[in-house]
Amino acid sequence: MGSIGTPELIVILVIALVIFGPGKLPEVG
């Protein structure tokens, strides 16, 4: 994985949100 742009970061963030749930992310919940 050489270059990661903004779309990739958004996808990773969404996946992390689905996996961990909103309760684990302070900025969301």
N, C-alpha and C. Protein backbone atom coordinates (compact mmCIF):
# COMPACT_ATOMS: atom_id res chain seq x y z
N MET A 1 0.84 -1.19 0.00
CA MET A 1 0.00 0.00 0.00
C MET A 1 0.88 1.25 0.00
N GLY A 2 1.06 1.81 -1.17
CA GLY A 2 1.95 2.96 -1.29
C GLY A 2 1.25 4.25 -0.93
N SER A 3 0.31 4.65 -1.77
CA SER A 3 -0.34 5.94 -1.55
C SER A 3 -1.79 5.74 -1.12
N ILE A 4 -2.14 6.35 0.00
CA ILE A 4 -3.52 6.28 0.48
C ILE A 4 -4.11 7.69 0.45
N GLY A 5 -5.21 7.82 -0.28
CA GLY A 5 -5.84 9.13 -0.42
C GLY A 5 -7.01 9.29 0.53
N THR A 6 -7.72 10.37 0.37
CA THR A 6 -8.86 10.66 1.24
C THR A 6 -9.99 9.63 1.10
N PRO A 7 -10.34 9.17 -0.10
CA PRO A 7 -11.40 8.16 -0.23
C PRO A 7 -11.07 6.88 0.53
N GLU A 8 -9.81 6.46 0.48
CA GLU A 8 -9.41 5.26 1.21
C GLU A 8 -9.55 5.45 2.71
N LEU A 9 -9.18 6.63 3.20
CA LEU A 9 -9.31 6.92 4.63
C LEU A 9 -10.76 6.93 5.06
N ILE A 10 -11.63 7.43 4.20
CA ILE A 10 -13.07 7.45 4.51
C ILE A 10 -13.61 6.02 4.59
N VAL A 11 -13.20 5.19 3.64
CA VAL A 11 -13.64 3.79 3.62
C VAL A 11 -13.15 3.07 4.87
N ILE A 12 -11.89 3.28 5.23
CA ILE A 12 -11.33 2.65 6.43
C ILE A 12 -12.07 3.13 7.68
N LEU A 13 -12.40 4.41 7.73
CA LEU A 13 -13.12 4.95 8.88
C LEU A 13 -14.50 4.34 9.00
N VAL A 14 -15.19 4.19 7.87
CA VAL A 14 -16.52 3.59 7.88
C VAL A 14 -16.45 2.13 8.32
N ILE A 15 -15.46 1.39 7.81
CA ILE A 15 -15.30 -0.01 8.19
C ILE A 15 -14.99 -0.13 9.68
N ALA A 16 -14.13 0.74 10.19
CA ALA A 16 -13.80 0.73 11.61
C ALA A 16 -15.03 1.05 12.45
N LEU A 17 -15.86 1.96 11.96
CA LEU A 17 -17.08 2.34 12.66
C LEU A 17 -18.04 1.15 12.73
N VAL A 18 -18.13 0.40 11.64
CA VAL A 18 -19.01 -0.77 11.61
C VAL A 18 -18.48 -1.87 12.53
N ILE A 19 -17.15 -2.07 12.52
CA ILE A 19 -16.55 -3.15 13.31
C ILE A 19 -16.62 -2.83 14.80
N PHE A 20 -16.13 -1.67 15.19
CA PHE A 20 -16.01 -1.34 16.61
C PHE A 20 -17.30 -0.78 17.20
N GLY A 21 -18.12 -0.19 16.36
CA GLY A 21 -19.35 0.42 16.84
C GLY A 21 -19.12 1.85 17.27
N PRO A 22 -20.19 2.66 17.28
CA PRO A 22 -20.08 4.08 17.61
C PRO A 22 -19.61 4.33 19.05
N GLY A 23 -19.84 3.40 19.95
CA GLY A 23 -19.50 3.59 21.35
C GLY A 23 -18.01 3.64 21.60
N LYS A 24 -17.22 3.03 20.70
CA LYS A 24 -15.77 2.98 20.89
C LYS A 24 -15.09 4.23 20.34
N LEU A 25 -15.82 5.01 19.53
CA LEU A 25 -15.24 6.21 18.94
C LEU A 25 -15.76 7.45 19.67
N PRO A 26 -14.87 8.15 20.41
CA PRO A 26 -15.27 9.29 21.25
C PRO A 26 -15.88 10.43 20.44
N GLU A 27 -15.36 10.69 19.23
CA GLU A 27 -15.84 11.83 18.46
C GLU A 27 -17.24 11.60 17.92
N VAL A 28 -17.65 10.33 17.84
CA VAL A 28 -18.97 10.02 17.31
C VAL A 28 -19.99 9.91 18.44
N GLY A 29 -19.62 9.15 19.49
CA GLY A 29 -20.62 8.83 20.47
C GLY A 29 -20.45 9.50 21.81
